[in-house]
């Protein structure tokens, strides 16, 4: 079925590896990004849903420069945004609230949230 909106968007991820295939540098760009050129990042998480296998496929990479405190904050924020995305996709407020509770517990235990 054709739609009137045949627009496409492209996301490009470049992973620069050392001799042991460990990421040294990760850059990304997107055709719809609000900036020109590439942007450097220390970590990426990309998830895909394989409907045929009913399985999630993931790419999780981080550079040698990624500190543990940065990884803790990255995961904390990822848990929160996953809860928001899940709520938008399913309308399941209870499930989203459960994810936010997990994020909060993780944030406290990892030191991201200071009380």
PDB file of N, CA and C in Angstrom:
ATOM      1  N   UNK A   1       0.839  -1.172   0.000  1.00  0.00           N
ATOM      2  CA  UNK A   1       0.000   0.000   0.000  1.00  0.00           C
ATOM      3  C   UNK A   1       0.888   1.242   0.000  1.00  0.00           C
ATOM      4  N   UNK A   2       0.757   2.083  -0.969  1.00  0.00           N
ATOM      5  CA  UNK A   2       1.559   3.304  -1.077  1.00  0.00           C
ATOM      6  C   UNK A   2       0.946   4.406  -0.228  1.00  0.00           C
ATOM      7  N   UNK A   3       1.816   5.249   0.276  1.00  0.00           N
ATOM      8  CA  UNK A   3       1.355   6.414   1.037  1.00  0.00           C
ATOM      9  C   UNK A   3       1.791   7.669   0.309  1.00  0.00           C
ATOM     10  N   UNK A   4       1.165   8.771   0.666  1.00  0.00           N
ATOM     11  CA  UNK A   4       1.539  10.043   0.064  1.00  0.00           C
ATOM     12  C   UNK A   4       2.889  10.526   0.566  1.00  0.00           C
ATOM     13  N   UNK A   5       3.329  10.020   1.716  1.00  0.00           N
ATOM     14  CA  UNK A   5       4.576  10.468   2.318  1.00  0.00           C
ATOM     15  C   UNK A   5       5.664   9.428   2.081  1.00  0.00           C
ATOM     16  N   UNK A   6       6.359   9.529   0.974  1.00  0.00           N
ATOM     17  CA  UNK A   6       7.437   8.599   0.641  1.00  0.00           C
ATOM     18  C   UNK A   6       8.791   9.131   1.078  1.00  0.00           C
ATOM     19  N   UNK A   7       8.810   9.832   2.172  1.00  0.00           N
ATOM     20  CA  UNK A   7      10.025  10.418   2.700  1.00  0.00           C
ATOM     21  C   UNK A   7      10.865   9.368   3.398  1.00  0.00           C
ATOM     22  N   UNK A   8      12.166   9.476   3.287  1.00  0.00           N
ATOM     23  CA  UNK A   8      13.061   8.589   4.023  1.00  0.00           C
ATOM     24  C   UNK A   8      14.036   9.431   4.836  1.00  0.00           C
ATOM     25  N   UNK A   9      14.562   8.824   5.860  1.00  0.00           N
ATOM     26  CA  UNK A   9      15.564   9.453   6.703  1.00  0.00           C
ATOM     27  C   UNK A   9      16.700   8.462   6.866  1.00  0.00           C
ATOM     28  N   UNK A  10      17.929   8.965   6.889  1.00  0.00           N
ATOM     29  CA  UNK A  10      19.083   8.084   6.981  1.00  0.00           C
ATOM     30  C   UNK A  10      19.873   8.414   8.242  1.00  0.00           C
ATOM     31  N   UNK A  11      20.248   7.368   8.967  1.00  0.00           N
ATOM     32  CA  UNK A  11      21.120   7.494  10.131  1.00  0.00           C
ATOM     33  C   UNK A  11      22.390   6.716   9.825  1.00  0.00           C
ATOM     34  N   UNK A  12      23.525   7.359  10.000  1.00  0.00           N
ATOM     35  CA  UNK A  12      24.818   6.745   9.690  1.00  0.00           C
ATOM     36  C   UNK A  12      25.648   6.689  10.969  1.00  0.00           C
ATOM     37  N   UNK A  13      26.156   5.509  11.310  1.00  0.00           N
ATOM     38  CA  UNK A  13      26.993   5.321  12.493  1.00  0.00           C
ATOM     39  C   UNK A  13      28.346   4.797  12.029  1.00  0.00           C
ATOM     40  N   UNK A  14      29.403   5.465  12.434  1.00  0.00           N
ATOM     41  CA  UNK A  14      30.761   5.042  12.112  1.00  0.00           C
ATOM     42  C   UNK A  14      31.452   4.621  13.402  1.00  0.00           C
ATOM     43  N   UNK A  15      32.014   3.408  13.416  1.00  0.00           N
ATOM     44  CA  UNK A  15      32.730   2.909  14.588  1.00  0.00           C
ATOM     45  C   UNK A  15      34.182   2.704  14.183  1.00  0.00           C
ATOM     46  N   UNK A  16      35.069   3.462  14.820  1.00  0.00           N
ATOM     47  CA  UNK A  16      36.504   3.373  14.556  1.00  0.00           C
ATOM     48  C   UNK A  16      37.108   2.434  15.597  1.00  0.00           C
ATOM     49  N   UNK A  17      37.745   1.351  15.137  1.00  0.00           N
ATOM     50  CA  UNK A  17      38.233   0.296  16.021  1.00  0.00           C
ATOM     51  C   UNK A  17      39.749   0.312  16.145  1.00  0.00           C
ATOM     52  N   UNK A  18      40.247  -0.180  17.307  1.00  0.00           N
ATOM     53  CA  UNK A  18      41.688  -0.351  17.457  1.00  0.00           C
ATOM     54  C   UNK A  18      42.088  -1.730  16.919  1.00  0.00           C
ATOM     55  N   UNK A  19      43.316  -2.140  17.152  1.00  0.00           N
ATOM     56  CA  UNK A  19      43.823  -3.414  16.627  1.00  0.00           C
ATOM     57  C   UNK A  19      43.080  -4.622  17.198  1.00  0.00           C
ATOM     58  N   UNK A  20      42.515  -4.472  18.421  1.00  0.00           N
ATOM     59  CA  UNK A  20      41.771  -5.562  19.055  1.00  0.00           C
ATOM     60  C   UNK A  20      40.259  -5.447  18.809  1.00  0.00           C
ATOM     61  N   UNK A  21      39.867  -4.613  17.859  1.00  0.00           N
ATOM     62  CA  UNK A  21      38.461  -4.389  17.510  1.00  0.00           C
ATOM     63  C   UNK A  21      37.641  -3.764  18.640  1.00  0.00           C
ATOM     64  N   UNK A  22      38.294  -2.980  19.484  1.00  0.00           N
ATOM     65  CA  UNK A  22      37.618  -2.235  20.543  1.00  0.00           C
ATOM     66  C   UNK A  22      37.337  -0.833  20.016  1.00  0.00           C
ATOM     67  N   UNK A  23      36.105  -0.348  20.172  1.00  0.00           N
ATOM     68  CA  UNK A  23      35.800   0.995  19.662  1.00  0.00           C
ATOM     69  C   UNK A  23      36.663   2.088  20.324  1.00  0.00           C
ATOM     70  N   UNK A  24      37.317   2.871  19.489  1.00  0.00           N
ATOM     71  CA  UNK A  24      38.092   4.015  19.965  1.00  0.00           C
ATOM     72  C   UNK A  24      37.306   5.312  19.802  1.00  0.00           C
ATOM     73  N   UNK A  25      36.488   5.347  18.749  1.00  0.00           N
ATOM     74  CA  UNK A  25      35.723   6.544  18.444  1.00  0.00           C
ATOM     75  C   UNK A  25      34.438   6.120  17.748  1.00  0.00           C
ATOM     76  N   UNK A  26      33.333   6.765  18.115  1.00  0.00           N
ATOM     77  CA  UNK A  26      32.043   6.506  17.474  1.00  0.00           C
ATOM     78  C   UNK A  26      31.478   7.848  17.034  1.00  0.00           C
ATOM     79  N   UNK A  27      31.102   7.944  15.775  1.00  0.00           N
ATOM     80  CA  UNK A  27      30.467   9.158  15.271  1.00  0.00           C
ATOM     81  C   UNK A  27      29.152   8.777  14.605  1.00  0.00           C
ATOM     82  N   UNK A  28      28.249   9.745  14.553  1.00  0.00           N
ATOM     83  CA  UNK A  28      26.967   9.497  13.909  1.00  0.00           C
ATOM     84  C   UNK A  28      26.489  10.770  13.221  1.00  0.00           C
ATOM     85  N   UNK A  29      25.644  10.569  12.254  1.00  0.00           N
ATOM     86  CA  UNK A  29      24.975  11.677  11.564  1.00  0.00           C
ATOM     87  C   UNK A  29      23.605  11.184  11.141  1.00  0.00           C
ATOM     88  N   UNK A  30      22.719  12.129  10.915  1.00  0.00           N
ATOM     89  CA  UNK A  30      21.366  11.783  10.474  1.00  0.00           C
ATOM     90  C   UNK A  30      20.877  12.849   9.517  1.00  0.00           C
ATOM     91  N   UNK A  31      20.165  12.410   8.510  1.00  0.00           N
ATOM     92  CA  UNK A  31      19.683  13.354   7.506  1.00  0.00           C
ATOM     93  C   UNK A  31      18.690  14.354   8.104  1.00  0.00           C
ATOM     94  N   UNK A  32      17.985  13.989   9.168  1.00  0.00           N
ATOM     95  CA  UNK A  32      17.021  14.891   9.804  1.00  0.00           C
ATOM     96  C   UNK A  32      17.561  15.573  11.057  1.00  0.00           C
ATOM     97  N   UNK A  33      18.843  15.404  11.342  1.00  0.00           N
ATOM     98  CA  UNK A  33      19.419  15.986  12.563  1.00  0.00           C
ATOM     99  C   UNK A  33      19.405  17.515  12.483  1.00  0.00           C
ATOM    100  N   UNK A  34      19.283  18.171  13.635  1.00  0.00           N
ATOM    101  CA  UNK A  34      19.273  19.642  13.651  1.00  0.00           C
ATOM    102  C   UNK A  34      20.675  20.248  13.569  1.00  0.00           C
ATOM    103  N   UNK A  35      21.645  19.472  13.104  1.00  0.00           N
ATOM    104  CA  UNK A  35      23.017  19.946  12.959  1.00  0.00           C
ATOM    105  C   UNK A  35      23.586  19.372  11.667  1.00  0.00           C
ATOM    106  N   UNK A  36      24.653  19.969  11.187  1.00  0.00           N
ATOM    107  CA  UNK A  36      25.325  19.482   9.988  1.00  0.00           C
ATOM    108  C   UNK A  36      26.528  18.637  10.380  1.00  0.00           C
ATOM    109  N   UNK A  37      26.842  17.658   9.572  1.00  0.00           N
ATOM    110  CA  UNK A  37      28.036  16.857   9.786  1.00  0.00           C
ATOM    111  C   UNK A  37      27.837  15.752  10.801  1.00  0.00           C
ATOM    112  N   UNK A  38      28.975  15.270  11.300  1.00  0.00           N
ATOM    113  CA  UNK A  38      28.975  14.162  12.252  1.00  0.00           C
ATOM    114  C   UNK A  38      29.079  14.671  13.677  1.00  0.00           C
ATOM    115  N   UNK A  39      28.547  13.893  14.591  1.00  0.00           N
ATOM    116  CA  UNK A  39      28.644  14.186  16.007  1.00  0.00           C
ATOM    117  C   UNK A  39      29.315  12.986  16.672  1.00  0.00           C
ATOM    118  N   UNK A  40      30.245  13.253  17.581  1.00  0.00           N
ATOM    119  CA  UNK A  40      30.932  12.172  18.278  1.00  0.00           C
ATOM    120  C   UNK A  40      30.152  11.774  19.529  1.00  0.00           C
ATOM    121  N   UNK A  41      30.186  10.483  19.850  1.00  0.00           N
ATOM    122  CA  UNK A  41      29.550   9.971  21.046  1.00  0.00           C
ATOM    123  C   UNK A  41      30.443   8.910  21.662  1.00  0.00           C
ATOM    124  N   UNK A  42      30.250   8.646  22.946  1.00  0.00           N
ATOM    125  CA  UNK A  42      31.036   7.614  23.625  1.00  0.00           C
ATOM    126  C   UNK A  42      30.324   6.273  23.692  1.00  0.00           C
ATOM    127  N   UNK A  43      29.012   6.262  23.451  1.00  0.00           N
ATOM    128  CA  UNK A  43      28.268   5.008  23.563  1.00  0.00           C
ATOM    129  C   UNK A  43      27.009   5.060  22.704  1.00  0.00           C
ATOM    130  N   UNK A  44      26.616   3.898  22.201  1.00  0.00           N
ATOM    131  CA  UNK A  44      25.358   3.774  21.462  1.00  0.00           C
ATOM    132  C   UNK A  44      24.635   2.497  21.895  1.00  0.00           C
ATOM    133  N   UNK A  45      23.320   2.564  21.837  1.00  0.00           N
ATOM    134  CA  UNK A  45      22.464   1.390  22.001  1.00  0.00           C
ATOM    135  C   UNK A  45      21.451   1.460  20.873  1.00  0.00           C
ATOM    136  N   UNK A  46      21.372   0.401  20.103  1.00  0.00           N
ATOM    137  CA  UNK A  46      20.401   0.346  19.018  1.00  0.00           C
ATOM    138  C   UNK A  46      19.661  -0.979  19.149  1.00  0.00           C
ATOM    139  N   UNK A  47      18.349  -0.913  19.135  1.00  0.00           N
ATOM    140  CA  UNK A  47      17.555  -2.126  19.231  1.00  0.00           C
ATOM    141  C   UNK A  47      16.688  -2.306  18.001  1.00  0.00           C
ATOM    142  N   UNK A  48      16.563  -3.547  17.583  1.00  0.00           N
ATOM    143  CA  UNK A  48      15.723  -3.899  16.440  1.00  0.00           C
ATOM    144  C   UNK A  48      14.786  -5.014  16.863  1.00  0.00           C
ATOM    145  N   UNK A  49      13.572  -5.025  16.331  1.00  0.00           N
ATOM    146  CA  UNK A  49      12.635  -6.102  16.593  1.00  0.00           C
ATOM    147  C   UNK A  49      12.566  -6.995  15.371  1.00  0.00           C
ATOM    148  N   UNK A  50      12.926  -8.260  15.531  1.00  0.00           N
ATOM    149  CA  UNK A  50      12.827  -9.255  14.470  1.00  0.00           C
ATOM    150  C   UNK A  50      11.479  -9.946  14.615  1.00  0.00           C
ATOM    151  N   UNK A  51      10.504  -9.535  13.820  1.00  0.00           N
ATOM    152  CA  UNK A  51       9.142 -10.065  13.935  1.00  0.00           C
ATOM    153  C   UNK A  51       9.075 -11.552  13.576  1.00  0.00           C
ATOM    154  N   UNK A  52       9.892 -11.977  12.634  1.00  0.00           N
ATOM    155  CA  UNK A  52       9.872 -13.390  12.250  1.00  0.00           C
ATOM    156  C   UNK A  52      10.313 -14.289  13.394  1.00  0.00           C
ATOM    157  N   UNK A  53      11.319 -13.865  14.135  1.00  0.00           N
ATOM    158  CA  UNK A  53      11.856 -14.659  15.236  1.00  0.00           C
ATOM    159  C   UNK A  53      11.264 -14.264  16.593  1.00  0.00           C
ATOM    160  N   UNK A  54      10.447 -13.208  16.620  1.00  0.00           N
ATOM    161  CA  UNK A  54       9.925 -12.655  17.879  1.00  0.00           C
ATOM    162  C   UNK A  54      11.056 -12.454  18.879  1.00  0.00           C
ATOM    163  N   UNK A  55      12.063 -11.701  18.414  1.00  0.00           N
ATOM    164  CA  UNK A  55      13.281 -11.552  19.198  1.00  0.00           C
ATOM    165  C   UNK A  55      13.848 -10.142  19.032  1.00  0.00           C
ATOM    166  N   UNK A  56      14.373  -9.615  20.115  1.00  0.00           N
ATOM    167  CA  UNK A  56      15.041  -8.313  20.059  1.00  0.00           C
ATOM    168  C   UNK A  56      16.503  -8.516  19.690  1.00  0.00           C
ATOM    169  N   UNK A  57      16.967  -7.707  18.783  1.00  0.00           N
ATOM    170  CA  UNK A  57      18.376  -7.708  18.383  1.00  0.00           C
ATOM    171  C   UNK A  57      18.971  -6.377  18.831  1.00  0.00           C
ATOM    172  N   UNK A  58      20.184  -6.411  19.366  1.00  0.00           N
ATOM    173  CA  UNK A  58      20.761  -5.192  19.926  1.00  0.00           C
ATOM    174  C   UNK A  58      22.194  -4.997  19.471  1.00  0.00           C
ATOM    175  N   UNK A  59      22.563  -3.741  19.384  1.00  0.00           N
ATOM    176  CA  UNK A  59      23.951  -3.340  19.203  1.00  0.00           C
ATOM    177  C   UNK A  59      24.258  -2.377  20.341  1.00  0.00           C
ATOM    178  N   UNK A  60      25.147  -2.768  21.228  1.00  0.00           N
ATOM    179  CA  UNK A  60      25.572  -1.935  22.347  1.00  0.00           C
ATOM    180  C   UNK A  60      27.083  -1.768  22.242  1.00  0.00           C
ATOM    181  N   UNK A  61      27.520  -0.539  22.036  1.00  0.00           N
ATOM    182  CA  UNK A  61      28.948  -0.260  21.902  1.00  0.00           C
ATOM    183  C   UNK A  61      29.320   0.948  22.745  1.00  0.00           C
ATOM    184  N   UNK A  62      30.542   0.962  23.251  1.00  0.00           N
ATOM    185  CA  UNK A  62      31.055   2.119  23.960  1.00  0.00           C
ATOM    186  C   UNK A  62      32.555   2.190  23.728  1.00  0.00           C
ATOM    187  N   UNK A  63      33.078   3.392  23.810  1.00  0.00           N
ATOM    188  CA  UNK A  63      34.501   3.604  23.565  1.00  0.00           C
ATOM    189  C   UNK A  63      35.308   3.374  24.840  1.00  0.00           C
ATOM    190  N   UNK A  64      36.613   3.281  24.676  1.00  0.00           N
ATOM    191  CA  UNK A  64      37.531   3.140  25.798  1.00  0.00           C
ATOM    192  C   UNK A  64      37.438   4.334  26.749  1.00  0.00           C
ATOM    193  N   UNK A  65      37.005   5.475  26.210  1.00  0.00           N
ATOM    194  CA  UNK A  65      36.953   6.714  26.983  1.00  0.00           C
ATOM    195  C   UNK A  65      35.712   6.823  27.862  1.00  0.00           C
ATOM    196  N   UNK A  66      34.734   5.935  27.696  1.00  0.00           N
ATOM    197  CA  UNK A  66      33.492   5.998  28.460  1.00  0.00           C
ATOM    198  C   UNK A  66      33.773   5.619  29.910  1.00  0.00           C
ATOM    199  N   UNK A  67      33.538   6.568  30.813  1.00  0.00           N
ATOM    200  CA  UNK A  67      33.755   6.321  32.234  1.00  0.00           C
ATOM    201  C   UNK A  67      32.556   5.576  32.830  1.00  0.00           C
ATOM    202  N   UNK A  68      32.763   4.905  33.949  1.00  0.00           N
ATOM    203  CA  UNK A  68      31.697   4.150  34.603  1.00  0.00           C
ATOM    204  C   UNK A  68      30.567   5.089  35.041  1.00  0.00           C
ATOM    205  N   UNK A  69      30.898   6.261  35.592  1.00  0.00           N
ATOM    206  CA  UNK A  69      29.838   7.186  36.015  1.00  0.00           C
ATOM    207  C   UNK A  69      29.020   7.678  34.824  1.00  0.00           C
ATOM    208  N   UNK A  70      29.657   7.827  33.665  1.00  0.00           N
ATOM    209  CA  UNK A  70      28.922   8.204  32.450  1.00  0.00           C
ATOM    210  C   UNK A  70      28.012   7.055  32.001  1.00  0.00           C
ATOM    211  N   UNK A  71      28.505   5.812  32.098  1.00  0.00           N
ATOM    212  CA  UNK A  71      27.702   4.652  31.722  1.00  0.00           C
ATOM    213  C   UNK A  71      26.508   4.520  32.662  1.00  0.00           C
ATOM    214  N   UNK A  72      26.726   4.754  33.961  1.00  0.00           N
ATOM    215  CA  UNK A  72      25.625   4.707  34.918  1.00  0.00           C
ATOM    216  C   UNK A  72      24.536   5.720  34.539  1.00  0.00           C
ATOM    217  N   UNK A  73      24.928   6.942  34.239  1.00  0.00           N
ATOM    218  CA  UNK A  73      23.964   7.985  33.872  1.00  0.00           C
ATOM    219  C   UNK A  73      23.279   7.646  32.549  1.00  0.00           C
ATOM    220  N   UNK A  74      24.047   7.120  31.595  1.00  0.00           N
ATOM    221  CA  UNK A  74      23.500   6.730  30.292  1.00  0.00           C
ATOM    222  C   UNK A  74      22.403   5.671  30.465  1.00  0.00           C
ATOM    223  N   UNK A  75      22.668   4.639  31.268  1.00  0.00           N
ATOM    224  CA  UNK A  75      21.666   3.609  31.485  1.00  0.00           C
ATOM    225  C   UNK A  75      20.463   4.147  32.254  1.00  0.00           C
ATOM    226  N   UNK A  76      20.688   4.967  33.263  1.00  0.00           N
ATOM    227  CA  UNK A  76      19.586   5.569  34.017  1.00  0.00           C
ATOM    228  C   UNK A  76      18.661   6.346  33.080  1.00  0.00           C
ATOM    229  N   UNK A  77      19.239   7.213  32.258  1.00  0.00           N
ATOM    230  CA  UNK A  77      18.430   8.006  31.331  1.00  0.00           C
ATOM    231  C   UNK A  77      17.764   7.127  30.279  1.00  0.00           C
ATOM    232  N   UNK A  78      18.435   6.066  29.857  1.00  0.00           N
ATOM    233  CA  UNK A  78      17.854   5.140  28.881  1.00  0.00           C
ATOM    234  C   UNK A  78      16.641   4.430  29.476  1.00  0.00           C
ATOM    235  N   UNK A  79      16.741   3.987  30.736  1.00  0.00           N
ATOM    236  CA  UNK A  79      15.587   3.358  31.388  1.00  0.00           C
ATOM    237  C   UNK A  79      14.392   4.311  31.412  1.00  0.00           C
ATOM    238  N   UNK A  80      14.644   5.582  31.751  1.00  0.00           N
ATOM    239  CA  UNK A  80      13.551   6.559  31.811  1.00  0.00           C
ATOM    240  C   UNK A  80      12.931   6.789  30.435  1.00  0.00           C
ATOM    241  N   UNK A  81      13.756   6.940  29.411  1.00  0.00           N
ATOM    242  CA  UNK A  81      13.206   7.184  28.072  1.00  0.00           C
ATOM    243  C   UNK A  81      12.508   5.937  27.523  1.00  0.00           C
ATOM    244  N   UNK A  82      12.975   4.749  27.915  1.00  0.00           N
ATOM    245  CA  UNK A  82      12.282   3.518  27.511  1.00  0.00           C
ATOM    246  C   UNK A  82      10.888   3.483  28.124  1.00  0.00           C
ATOM    247  N   UNK A  83      10.769   3.904  29.373  1.00  0.00           N
ATOM    248  CA  UNK A  83       9.457   3.928  30.026  1.00  0.00           C
ATOM    249  C   UNK A  83       8.521   4.886  29.292  1.00  0.00           C
ATOM    250  N   UNK A  84       9.021   6.060  28.925  1.00  0.00           N
ATOM    251  CA  UNK A  84       8.201   7.029  28.190  1.00  0.00           C
ATOM    252  C   UNK A  84       7.789   6.483  26.821  1.00  0.00           C
ATOM    253  N   UNK A  85       8.727   5.874  26.114  1.00  0.00           N
ATOM    254  CA  UNK A  85       8.424   5.299  24.799  1.00  0.00           C
ATOM    255  C   UNK A  85       7.414   4.170  24.908  1.00  0.00           C
ATOM    256  N   UNK A  86       7.591   3.335  25.923  1.00  0.00           N
ATOM    257  CA  UNK A  86       6.673   2.220  26.143  1.00  0.00           C
ATOM    258  C   UNK A  86       5.260   2.729  26.405  1.00  0.00           C
ATOM    259  N   UNK A  87       5.140   3.769  27.222  1.00  0.00           N
ATOM    260  CA  UNK A  87       3.819   4.339  27.504  1.00  0.00           C
ATOM    261  C   UNK A  87       3.176   4.885  26.233  1.00  0.00           C
ATOM    262  N   UNK A  88       3.952   5.619  25.419  1.00  0.00           N
ATOM    263  CA  UNK A  88       3.410   6.156  24.158  1.00  0.00           C
ATOM    264  C   UNK A  88       2.991   5.039  23.216  1.00  0.00           C
ATOM    265  N   UNK A  89       3.764   3.954  23.169  1.00  0.00           N
ATOM    266  CA  UNK A  89       3.490   2.866  22.228  1.00  0.00           C
ATOM    267  C   UNK A  89       2.327   1.982  22.666  1.00  0.00           C
ATOM    268  N   UNK A  90       2.159   1.802  23.985  1.00  0.00           N
ATOM    269  CA  UNK A  90       1.181   0.819  24.459  1.00  0.00           C
ATOM    270  C   UNK A  90       0.039   1.413  25.277  1.00  0.00           C
ATOM    271  N   UNK A  91       0.263   2.591  25.852  1.00  0.00           N
ATOM    272  CA  UNK A  91      -0.724   3.164  26.755  1.00  0.00           C
ATOM    273  C   UNK A  91      -0.748   2.481  28.119  1.00  0.00           C
ATOM    274  N   UNK A  92       0.197   1.589  28.372  1.00  0.00           N
ATOM    275  CA  UNK A  92       0.255   0.823  29.610  1.00  0.00           C
ATOM    276  C   UNK A  92       0.991   1.629  30.685  1.00  0.00           C
ATOM    277  N   UNK A  93       0.234   2.435  31.448  1.00  0.00           N
ATOM    278  CA  UNK A  93       0.819   3.295  32.472  1.00  0.00           C
ATOM    279  C   UNK A  93       1.462   2.488  33.590  1.00  0.00           C
ATOM    280  N   UNK A  94       0.846   1.379  33.993  1.00  0.00           N
ATOM    281  CA  UNK A  94       1.397   0.548  35.068  1.00  0.00           C
ATOM    282  C   UNK A  94       2.760   0.001  34.670  1.00  0.00           C
ATOM    283  N   UNK A  95       2.868  -0.505  33.458  1.00  0.00           N
ATOM    284  CA  UNK A  95       4.153  -1.018  32.974  1.00  0.00           C
ATOM    285  C   UNK A  95       5.208   0.080  32.923  1.00  0.00           C
ATOM    286  N   UNK A  96       4.820   1.252  32.445  1.00  0.00           N
ATOM    287  CA  UNK A  96       5.751   2.379  32.372  1.00  0.00           C
ATOM    288  C   UNK A  96       6.178   2.813  33.771  1.00  0.00           C
ATOM    289  N   UNK A  97       5.238   2.845  34.699  1.00  0.00           N
ATOM    290  CA  UNK A  97       5.574   3.199  36.085  1.00  0.00           C
ATOM    291  C   UNK A  97       6.535   2.174  36.692  1.00  0.00           C
ATOM    292  N   UNK A  98       6.339   0.897  36.387  1.00  0.00           N
ATOM    293  CA  UNK A  98       7.260  -0.138  36.869  1.00  0.00           C
ATOM    294  C   UNK A  98       8.671   0.112  36.356  1.00  0.00           C
ATOM    295  N   UNK A  99       8.783   0.476  35.071  1.00  0.00           N
ATOM    296  CA  UNK A  99      10.103   0.770  34.500  1.00  0.00           C
ATOM    297  C   UNK A  99      10.736   1.981  35.177  1.00  0.00           C
ATOM    298  N   UNK A 100       9.923   2.994  35.471  1.00  0.00           N
ATOM    299  CA  UNK A 100      10.456   4.188  36.138  1.00  0.00           C
ATOM    300  C   UNK A 100      10.919   3.863  37.552  1.00  0.00           C
ATOM    301  N   UNK A 101      10.224   2.955  38.228  1.00  0.00           N
ATOM    302  CA  UNK A 101      10.672   2.527  39.557  1.00  0.00           C
ATOM    303  C   UNK A 101      12.012   1.802  39.464  1.00  0.00           C
ATOM    304  N   UNK A 102      12.157   0.970  38.442  1.00  0.00           N
ATOM    305  CA  UNK A 102      13.435   0.305  38.209  1.00  0.00           C
ATOM    306  C   UNK A 102      14.530   1.344  37.963  1.00  0.00           C
ATOM    307  N   UNK A 103      14.224   2.336  37.144  1.00  0.00           N
ATOM    308  CA  UNK A 103      15.205   3.390  36.847  1.00  0.00           C
ATOM    309  C   UNK A 103      15.599   4.122  38.123  1.00  0.00           C
ATOM    310  N   UNK A 104      14.626   4.446  38.941  1.00  0.00           N
ATOM    311  CA  UNK A 104      14.895   5.158  40.187  1.00  0.00           C
ATOM    312  C   UNK A 104      15.788   4.321  41.109  1.00  0.00           C
ATOM    313  N   UNK A 105      15.464   3.026  41.267  1.00  0.00           N
ATOM    314  CA  UNK A 105      16.279   2.143  42.103  1.00  0.00           C
ATOM    315  C   UNK A 105      17.696   2.039  41.558  1.00  0.00           C
ATOM    316  N   UNK A 106      17.816   1.895  40.239  1.00  0.00           N
ATOM    317  CA  UNK A 106      19.139   1.829  39.617  1.00  0.00           C
ATOM    318  C   UNK A 106      19.895   3.141  39.843  1.00  0.00           C
ATOM    319  N   UNK A 107      19.213   4.271  39.661  1.00  0.00           N
ATOM    320  CA  UNK A 107      19.839   5.571  39.860  1.00  0.00           C
ATOM    321  C   UNK A 107      20.364   5.752  41.276  1.00  0.00           C
ATOM    322  N   UNK A 108      19.595   5.322  42.255  1.00  0.00           N
ATOM    323  CA  UNK A 108      20.031   5.413  43.651  1.00  0.00           C
ATOM    324  C   UNK A 108      21.223   4.497  43.910  1.00  0.00           C
ATOM    325  N   UNK A 109      21.111   3.237  43.469  1.00  0.00           N
ATOM    326  CA  UNK A 109      22.164   2.254  43.729  1.00  0.00           C
ATOM    327  C   UNK A 109      23.473   2.558  43.011  1.00  0.00           C
ATOM    328  N   UNK A 110      23.387   3.214  41.859  1.00  0.00           N
ATOM    329  CA  UNK A 110      24.590   3.528  41.089  1.00  0.00           C
ATOM    330  C   UNK A 110      25.180   4.887  41.444  1.00  0.00           C
ATOM    331  N   UNK A 111      24.449   5.658  42.256  1.00  0.00           N
ATOM    332  CA  UNK A 111      24.951   6.982  42.653  1.00  0.00           C
ATOM    333  C   UNK A 111      24.568   8.098  41.701  1.00  0.00           C
ATOM    334  N   UNK A 112      23.777   7.795  40.677  1.00  0.00           N
ATOM    335  CA  UNK A 112      23.326   8.834  39.750  1.00  0.00           C
ATOM    336  C   UNK A 112      22.392   9.800  40.467  1.00  0.00           C
ATOM    337  N   UNK A 113      21.504   9.230  41.289  1.00  0.00           N
ATOM    338  CA  UNK A 113      20.597  10.040  42.093  1.00  0.00           C
ATOM    339  C   UNK A 113      21.199  10.196  43.485  1.00  0.00           C
ATOM    340  N   UNK A 114      21.464  11.413  43.870  1.00  0.00           N
ATOM    341  CA  UNK A 114      22.039  11.692  45.188  1.00  0.00           C
ATOM    342  C   UNK A 114      20.942  12.232  46.087  1.00  0.00           C
ATOM    343  N   UNK A 115      20.785  11.632  47.255  1.00  0.00           N
ATOM    344  CA  UNK A 115      19.769  12.138  48.193  1.00  0.00           C
ATOM    345  C   UNK A 115      20.442  12.677  49.439  1.00  0.00           C
TER     346      UNK A 115
END
